[in-house]
N, C-alpha and C. Protein backbone atom coordinates (compact mmCIF):
# COMPACT_ATOMS: atom_id res chain seq x y z
N MET A 1 -73.04 49.84 49.09
CA MET A 1 -72.20 48.53 49.25
C MET A 1 -72.88 47.89 50.36
N ILE A 2 -73.64 48.13 51.55
CA ILE A 2 -74.05 47.20 52.40
C ILE A 2 -75.71 46.93 51.66
N TYR A 3 -76.09 48.07 51.03
CA TYR A 3 -77.40 47.37 50.19
C TYR A 3 -77.18 46.27 49.36
N GLY A 4 -75.92 46.34 48.84
CA GLY A 4 -75.98 45.05 47.64
C GLY A 4 -75.78 43.84 48.39
N ILE A 5 -75.09 43.80 49.53
CA ILE A 5 -74.87 42.56 50.48
C ILE A 5 -76.28 42.30 50.83
N ILE A 6 -76.91 42.86 51.65
CA ILE A 6 -78.17 42.48 51.79
C ILE A 6 -79.23 42.21 50.62
N LEU A 7 -78.78 42.79 49.87
CA LEU A 7 -79.84 42.01 48.30
C LEU A 7 -79.40 40.90 48.03
N GLY A 8 -77.98 40.59 47.92
CA GLY A 8 -77.50 39.32 47.38
C GLY A 8 -77.90 38.28 48.81
N MET A 9 -77.96 38.37 49.77
CA MET A 9 -78.27 37.75 50.65
C MET A 9 -79.75 37.23 50.59
N LEU A 10 -80.52 38.24 50.46
CA LEU A 10 -81.90 37.89 50.32
C LEU A 10 -82.10 37.06 48.84
N CYS A 11 -81.22 37.64 47.77
CA CYS A 11 -81.69 36.32 46.38
C CYS A 11 -81.04 35.19 47.22
N VAL A 12 -80.07 34.90 47.71
CA VAL A 12 -79.69 33.56 47.84
C VAL A 12 -80.71 32.72 48.95
N ILE A 13 -81.13 33.34 49.81
CA ILE A 13 -82.47 32.95 50.57
C ILE A 13 -83.45 32.75 49.97
N ALA A 14 -83.95 33.37 48.78
CA ALA A 14 -84.91 33.37 48.15
C ALA A 14 -84.78 32.06 47.12
N ALA A 15 -83.74 32.05 46.67
CA ALA A 15 -83.25 30.73 45.54
C ALA A 15 -83.43 29.39 46.36
N VAL A 16 -82.61 29.27 47.95
CA VAL A 16 -82.54 28.26 48.49
C VAL A 16 -84.13 27.98 49.05
N TYR A 17 -84.80 28.71 49.00
CA TYR A 17 -86.41 28.49 49.50
C TYR A 17 -87.06 27.96 48.32
N LEU A 18 -86.82 28.54 47.29
CA LEU A 18 -87.60 27.89 45.94
C LEU A 18 -86.93 26.73 45.81
N LEU A 19 -85.58 26.19 45.88
CA LEU A 19 -85.06 24.99 45.37
C LEU A 19 -85.82 24.27 46.37
N SER A 20 -85.81 24.39 47.96
CA SER A 20 -86.57 23.50 48.79
C SER A 20 -87.87 23.29 47.91
N ILE A 21 -89.01 24.21 47.94
CA ILE A 21 -90.07 24.27 47.38
C ILE A 21 -89.84 23.01 46.29
N GLU A 22 -89.41 23.25 45.27
CA GLU A 22 -88.87 22.48 44.03
C GLU A 22 -88.84 21.01 44.30
N CYS A 23 -88.09 20.99 45.31
CA CYS A 23 -87.83 19.30 45.54
C CYS A 23 -88.77 18.86 46.23
N GLN A 24 -89.39 19.61 47.38
CA GLN A 24 -90.59 19.12 48.11
C GLN A 24 -91.74 18.45 47.06
N ARG A 25 -91.91 19.21 45.95
CA ARG A 25 -92.92 19.09 44.99
C ARG A 25 -92.71 18.00 43.74
N LYS A 26 -91.25 17.92 43.72
CA LYS A 26 -90.59 16.59 42.94
C LYS A 26 -90.70 15.31 43.74
N LYS A 27 -90.64 15.51 44.89
CA LYS A 27 -90.89 14.17 46.10
C LYS A 27 -92.39 13.94 46.03
N CYS A 28 -93.16 14.92 46.15
CA CYS A 28 -94.57 14.64 46.12
C CYS A 28 -95.38 13.79 45.02
N MET A 29 -94.56 14.54 43.82
CA MET A 29 -94.71 14.17 42.42
C MET A 29 -94.86 12.70 42.21
N LEU A 30 -93.31 12.33 42.60
CA LEU A 30 -92.73 11.07 42.75
C LEU A 30 -93.91 10.24 43.18
N GLU A 31 -94.20 10.30 44.57
CA GLU A 31 -94.96 9.61 45.53
C GLU A 31 -96.43 9.14 44.58
N PHE A 32 -96.91 10.65 44.22
CA PHE A 32 -98.04 10.38 43.47
C PHE A 32 -98.09 9.56 42.43
N GLN A 33 -96.88 9.62 41.52
CA GLN A 33 -97.13 8.91 40.14
C GLN A 33 -96.83 7.38 40.83
N LYS A 34 -95.85 6.90 41.79
CA LYS A 34 -96.12 5.69 42.06
C LYS A 34 -97.17 5.05 42.63
N SER A 35 -98.25 5.91 43.55
CA SER A 35 -99.76 5.38 43.74
C SER A 35 -100.28 5.27 42.45
N GLU A 36 -100.18 6.50 41.55
CA GLU A 36 -100.73 6.30 40.08
C GLU A 36 -100.66 4.67 39.41
N PHE A 37 -99.34 4.55 39.34
CA PHE A 37 -98.96 3.44 38.72
C PHE A 37 -99.35 2.20 39.36
N LYS A 38 -99.48 2.25 40.75
CA LYS A 38 -100.02 0.96 41.50
C LYS A 38 -101.30 0.97 41.10
N THR A 39 -102.18 2.05 41.08
CA THR A 39 -103.78 2.03 40.75
C THR A 39 -103.82 1.52 39.27
N LYS A 40 -103.12 1.80 38.48
CA LYS A 40 -103.19 1.50 37.00
C LYS A 40 -102.85 0.12 36.84
N ASN A 41 -102.04 -0.42 37.74
CA ASN A 41 -101.86 -1.85 37.57
C ASN A 41 -103.10 -2.81 38.18
N ASN A 42 -103.49 -2.19 39.15
CA ASN A 42 -104.75 -3.01 40.02
C ASN A 42 -106.00 -3.14 39.14
N ASN A 43 -106.27 -1.86 38.33
CA ASN A 43 -107.21 -1.59 37.82
C ASN A 43 -107.38 -1.50 36.07
N CYS A 44 -106.59 -2.43 35.43
CA CYS A 44 -106.15 -2.21 34.08
C CYS A 44 -107.11 -1.87 33.26
N ASP A 45 -108.60 -2.72 33.52
CA ASP A 45 -109.83 -2.15 32.51
C ASP A 45 -110.21 -0.72 32.75
N ILE A 46 -109.94 0.01 34.06
CA ILE A 46 -110.25 1.19 33.91
C ILE A 46 -109.28 2.48 33.58
N TYR A 47 -107.96 2.11 33.82
CA TYR A 47 -107.16 2.84 32.90
C TYR A 47 -106.55 2.23 31.72
N ILE A 48 -107.09 2.02 30.72
CA ILE A 48 -106.52 2.05 29.29
C ILE A 48 -106.66 3.00 28.84
N GLU A 49 -105.11 3.43 28.41
CA GLU A 49 -104.80 4.80 27.72
C GLU A 49 -104.12 4.16 26.34
C-alpha cells in the first residue's frame, strides 16, 4: 500500500518534470524559429528553399 503511494508520487513528479522540460524546449524552439525567420527575411539570397 505504502509502496504504491510512493511509486504513484514518483510517477507524478517524473511526469511534471518531463512536462516542464518539454515546455522549456518548445519555448526555446519558438525563439529559435523566430530568429531563424528574421535571418531568412534579412538574407533572402542565402536562404532560398
